[in-house]
Amino acid sequence: MNLKNFANQYLDDLRPVLEKFDVDVFASIANQLLKAYHNENHIFVMGNGGSGATASHLTCDINKGCCFDLEKKFKMICLNDNIPTLLALANDVSYDVVFVEPLKNFFKPGDLVIGISGSGNSENVLQAIRFANANGGHTIGLSGYAGGQLAQLVDIAFVAPSDDMQKIEDVHTIVTHMLMQALYRSLHPTVDS
């Protein structure tokens, strides 16, 4: 295998996905996060596997990167970061409830719930989104392929238009980094755009 050719091909395949990046949906997501910040609502985020890592990364970037120097903070919680609780629920009840059950402990009407699922069909993510929808929450989904069920359930759906899971996850990571910088600049208006 020629690794240089592979790298060039991977990047060539990623470019058309990035060219279809929906900046209007991105702006809607950023505005919803700012609304949660200003209203002091909780923001819950979750995912499985690579999407779980993206959820955890987003939580770090938002909680620390956007408002470390500000008195007012984001109230963001990653539901897949409490591994003992997740494992207890998966073992004793079902893996399908690992996000919705902890969400029930902390969720209040008006809170924001973000589900990240490359396929858009992760049942544990869908259950948490359904709970938020049924209880006065706002919902955002990041998915790929054709969006899956997640894109149909949420208020705001960002779909990375690819059939390649790694490229979907690449785009989701770009979304999270763009959110961090956009929110930081929105909360620090003196920073050069």
Foldseek 3Di string as FASTA:
>chain_A
DPVVVVVVVVVVVLVVLVVPFDVVLLVVVLVLQVVCQVVVAEEEEEEPDLSRVLLVVLQCLQQCVQDVPHPRGHRYDYLVPPPVQCVCCCVPPNNLQSRQVVCVVDHAAAHEYEYEEAALDRNNSVVNLVVQVVHRYAYEYQYEDVNYVNCVRHPGYGYRDDPDSVSSSVVSNVSSVVSSVVSNCVVVVVDDD
